[in-house]
Amino acid sequence: DDGTELVLSFADSGCDPEMSLPAYWDLRTKWNEEETEEADLSRSTPRVHGVVGCRCSDATAIVARVAGLESIPMVSPVSSAADLSNPVKYPSFFRLVGPDDERGQVGA
């Protein structure tokens, strides 16, 4: 036992990019303020170590871009937009379903 503690926090992305990024940022900000004495987020290291969600590709894309810039891994259980497979745009994004442009090939 190394003392690692897993803490879950939830936010509603509303399947909307205009809601998902502020929801992500609120969670990240809240977490950092609780974990650090100084709330200067521009100089602090992100303490969020991973993100699960969003449930819609458009909302996922915006969060995955920002999380990728911060090297925070993101896993989506259902986001299937083909563009999310781009490792340059989404370097730390992973998903549990195949992209839309490959789904028909499996059943054919």
C-alpha atoms as a PDB file:
ATOM      1  CA  ASP A   1       0.000   0.000   0.000  1.00  0.00           C
ATOM      2  CA  ASP A   2       1.637   3.207  -1.193  1.00  0.00           C
ATOM      3  CA  GLY A   3      -1.077   5.490   0.185  1.00  0.00           C
ATOM      4  CA  THR A   4      -2.556   6.295  -3.210  1.00  0.00           C
ATOM      5  CA  GLU A   5      -6.134   7.493  -2.932  1.00  0.00           C
ATOM      6  CA  LEU A   6      -8.608   7.464  -5.789  1.00  0.00           C
ATOM      7  CA  VAL A   7     -11.075  10.353  -5.652  1.00  0.00           C
ATOM      8  CA  LEU A   8     -14.006  10.656  -8.044  1.00  0.00           C
ATOM      9  CA  SER A   9     -15.586  13.946  -9.041  1.00  0.00           C
ATOM     10  CA  PHE A  10     -18.517  14.395 -11.387  1.00  0.00           C
ATOM     11  CA  ALA A  11     -19.671  17.195 -13.680  1.00  0.00           C
ATOM     12  CA  ASP A  12     -22.361  17.376 -16.344  1.00  0.00           C
ATOM     13  CA  SER A  13     -20.989  18.034 -19.818  1.00  0.00           C
ATOM     14  CA  GLY A  14     -24.499  18.315 -21.222  1.00  0.00           C
ATOM     15  CA  CYS A  15     -23.206  16.725 -24.455  1.00  0.00           C
ATOM     16  CA  ASP A  16     -22.325  20.298 -25.356  1.00  0.00           C
ATOM     17  CA  PRO A  17     -18.833  21.697 -25.979  1.00  0.00           C
ATOM     18  CA  GLU A  18     -19.895  24.993 -24.426  1.00  0.00           C
ATOM     19  CA  MET A  19     -20.737  23.144 -21.199  1.00  0.00           C
ATOM     20  CA  SER A  20     -18.070  20.433 -21.233  1.00  0.00           C
ATOM     21  CA  LEU A  21     -14.976  22.628 -21.148  1.00  0.00           C
ATOM     22  CA  PRO A  22     -16.192  24.800 -18.244  1.00  0.00           C
ATOM     23  CA  ALA A  23     -17.243  21.620 -16.402  1.00  0.00           C
ATOM     24  CA  TYR A  24     -13.761  20.151 -16.888  1.00  0.00           C
ATOM     25  CA  TRP A  25     -12.090  23.390 -15.866  1.00  0.00           C
ATOM     26  CA  ASP A  26     -14.270  23.713 -12.756  1.00  0.00           C
ATOM     27  CA  LEU A  27     -13.295  20.205 -11.648  1.00  0.00           C
ATOM     28  CA  ARG A  28      -9.633  20.846 -12.356  1.00  0.00           C
ATOM     29  CA  THR A  29      -9.703  24.181 -10.549  1.00  0.00           C
ATOM     30  CA  LYS A  30     -11.587  22.796  -7.552  1.00  0.00           C
ATOM     31  CA  TRP A  31      -9.211  19.872  -7.271  1.00  0.00           C
ATOM     32  CA  ASN A  32      -6.110  22.068  -7.400  1.00  0.00           C
ATOM     33  CA  GLU A  33      -7.498  24.511  -4.842  1.00  0.00           C
ATOM     34  CA  GLU A  34      -8.213  21.650  -2.451  1.00  0.00           C
ATOM     35  CA  GLU A  35      -4.830  20.026  -2.975  1.00  0.00           C
ATOM     36  CA  THR A  36      -2.521  23.040  -3.001  1.00  0.00           C
ATOM     37  CA  GLU A  37      -2.108  25.902  -0.589  1.00  0.00           C
ATOM     38  CA  GLU A  38      -1.688  28.371  -3.427  1.00  0.00           C
ATOM     39  CA  ALA A  39      -4.516  28.668  -5.944  1.00  0.00           C
ATOM     40  CA  ASP A  40      -2.264  30.124  -8.659  1.00  0.00           C
ATOM     41  CA  LEU A  41      -3.261  27.608 -11.341  1.00  0.00           C
ATOM     42  CA  SER A  42      -1.106  29.204 -14.005  1.00  0.00           C
ATOM     43  CA  ARG A  43       1.967  28.021 -12.121  1.00  0.00           C
ATOM     44  CA  SER A  44       0.696  24.825 -10.534  1.00  0.00           C
ATOM     45  CA  THR A  45       0.940  21.300 -11.867  1.00  0.00           C
ATOM     46  CA  PRO A  46      -2.433  19.736 -12.633  1.00  0.00           C
ATOM     47  CA  ARG A  47      -3.408  17.307  -9.909  1.00  0.00           C
ATOM     48  CA  VAL A  48      -6.148  15.751 -12.002  1.00  0.00           C
ATOM     49  CA  HIS A  49      -4.571  12.525 -13.214  1.00  0.00           C
ATOM     50  CA  GLY A  50      -7.281  11.364 -15.611  1.00  0.00           C
ATOM     51  CA  VAL A  51     -10.725  12.036 -17.034  1.00  0.00           C
ATOM     52  CA  VAL A  52     -13.492   9.570 -17.882  1.00  0.00           C
ATOM     53  CA  GLY A  53     -16.125  10.932 -20.254  1.00  0.00           C
ATOM     54  CA  CYS A  54     -17.741  12.741 -22.010  1.00  0.00           C
ATOM     55  CA  ARG A  55     -20.601  10.774 -23.501  1.00  0.00           C
ATOM     56  CA  CYS A  56     -20.847  12.730 -26.777  1.00  0.00           C
ATOM     57  CA  SER A  57     -18.106  13.241 -29.323  1.00  0.00           C
ATOM     58  CA  ASP A  58     -18.470  17.022 -29.661  1.00  0.00           C
ATOM     59  CA  ALA A  59     -18.182  17.539 -25.907  1.00  0.00           C
ATOM     60  CA  THR A  60     -15.343  15.016 -25.721  1.00  0.00           C
ATOM     61  CA  ALA A  61     -13.328  16.723 -28.454  1.00  0.00           C
ATOM     62  CA  ILE A  62     -12.974  20.038 -26.651  1.00  0.00           C
ATOM     63  CA  VAL A  63     -12.086  18.462 -23.299  1.00  0.00           C
ATOM     64  CA  ALA A  64      -9.683  16.000 -24.932  1.00  0.00           C
ATOM     65  CA  ARG A  65      -7.828  18.878 -26.628  1.00  0.00           C
ATOM     66  CA  VAL A  66      -7.273  20.733 -23.359  1.00  0.00           C
ATOM     67  CA  ALA A  67      -6.528  17.576 -21.363  1.00  0.00           C
ATOM     68  CA  GLY A  68      -4.015  16.602 -24.043  1.00  0.00           C
ATOM     69  CA  LEU A  69      -2.247  19.953 -23.733  1.00  0.00           C
ATOM     70  CA  GLU A  70      -1.919  19.228 -20.014  1.00  0.00           C
ATOM     71  CA  SER A  71      -0.861  15.578 -20.615  1.00  0.00           C
ATOM     72  CA  ILE A  72      -3.905  14.337 -18.724  1.00  0.00           C
ATOM     73  CA  PRO A  73      -5.247  11.067 -20.132  1.00  0.00           C
ATOM     74  CA  MET A  74      -8.908  10.961 -21.087  1.00  0.00           C
ATOM     75  CA  VAL A  75     -10.998   7.844 -21.706  1.00  0.00           C
ATOM     76  CA  SER A  76     -14.445   7.989 -23.244  1.00  0.00           C
ATOM     77  CA  PRO A  77     -16.722   4.965 -23.096  1.00  0.00           C
ATOM     78  CA  VAL A  78     -18.878   6.017 -26.069  1.00  0.00           C
ATOM     79  CA  SER A  79     -17.424   8.908 -28.101  1.00  0.00           C
ATOM     80  CA  SER A  80     -17.001   7.557 -31.607  1.00  0.00           C
ATOM     81  CA  ALA A  81     -16.170  10.500 -33.908  1.00  0.00           C
ATOM     82  CA  ALA A  82     -13.425   9.484 -36.339  1.00  0.00           C
ATOM     83  CA  ASP A  83     -11.506  12.732 -35.751  1.00  0.00           C
ATOM     84  CA  LEU A  84     -10.823  11.703 -32.141  1.00  0.00           C
ATOM     85  CA  SER A  85      -8.378   9.107 -33.537  1.00  0.00           C
ATOM     86  CA  ASN A  86      -5.994  11.912 -34.533  1.00  0.00           C
ATOM     87  CA  PRO A  87      -3.019  11.517 -32.149  1.00  0.00           C
ATOM     88  CA  VAL A  88      -1.707  14.997 -32.930  1.00  0.00           C
ATOM     89  CA  LYS A  89      -4.947  16.744 -31.957  1.00  0.00           C
ATOM     90  CA  TYR A  90      -5.806  14.339 -29.109  1.00  0.00           C
ATOM     91  CA  PRO A  91      -2.506  12.904 -27.824  1.00  0.00           C
ATOM     92  CA  SER A  92      -3.850  11.556 -24.544  1.00  0.00           C
ATOM     93  CA  PHE A  93      -7.321  10.433 -25.658  1.00  0.00           C
ATOM     94  CA  PHE A  94      -8.485   6.823 -25.506  1.00  0.00           C
ATOM     95  CA  ARG A  95     -11.876   5.255 -26.086  1.00  0.00           C
ATOM     96  CA  LEU A  96     -13.693   2.006 -25.536  1.00  0.00           C
ATOM     97  CA  VAL A  97     -15.553   1.972 -28.875  1.00  0.00           C
ATOM     98  CA  GLY A  98     -14.258   2.085 -32.414  1.00  0.00           C
ATOM     99  CA  PRO A  99     -14.478   5.220 -34.530  1.00  0.00           C
ATOM    100  CA  ASP A 100     -17.534   5.764 -36.716  1.00  0.00           C
ATOM    101  CA  ASP A 101     -15.568   5.319 -39.933  1.00  0.00           C
ATOM    102  CA  GLU A 102     -14.557   1.748 -38.980  1.00  0.00           C
ATOM    103  CA  ARG A 103     -17.787   0.334 -37.559  1.00  0.00           C
ATOM    104  CA  GLY A 104     -19.295  -0.947 -40.809  1.00  0.00           C
ATOM    105  CA  GLN A 105     -16.121  -2.830 -41.713  1.00  0.00           C
ATOM    106  CA  VAL A 106     -16.419  -5.168 -38.737  1.00  0.00           C
ATOM    107  CA  GLY A 107     -19.842  -6.515 -39.667  1.00  0.00           C
ATOM    108  CA  ALA A 108     -19.212  -6.726 -43.413  1.00  0.00           C
END
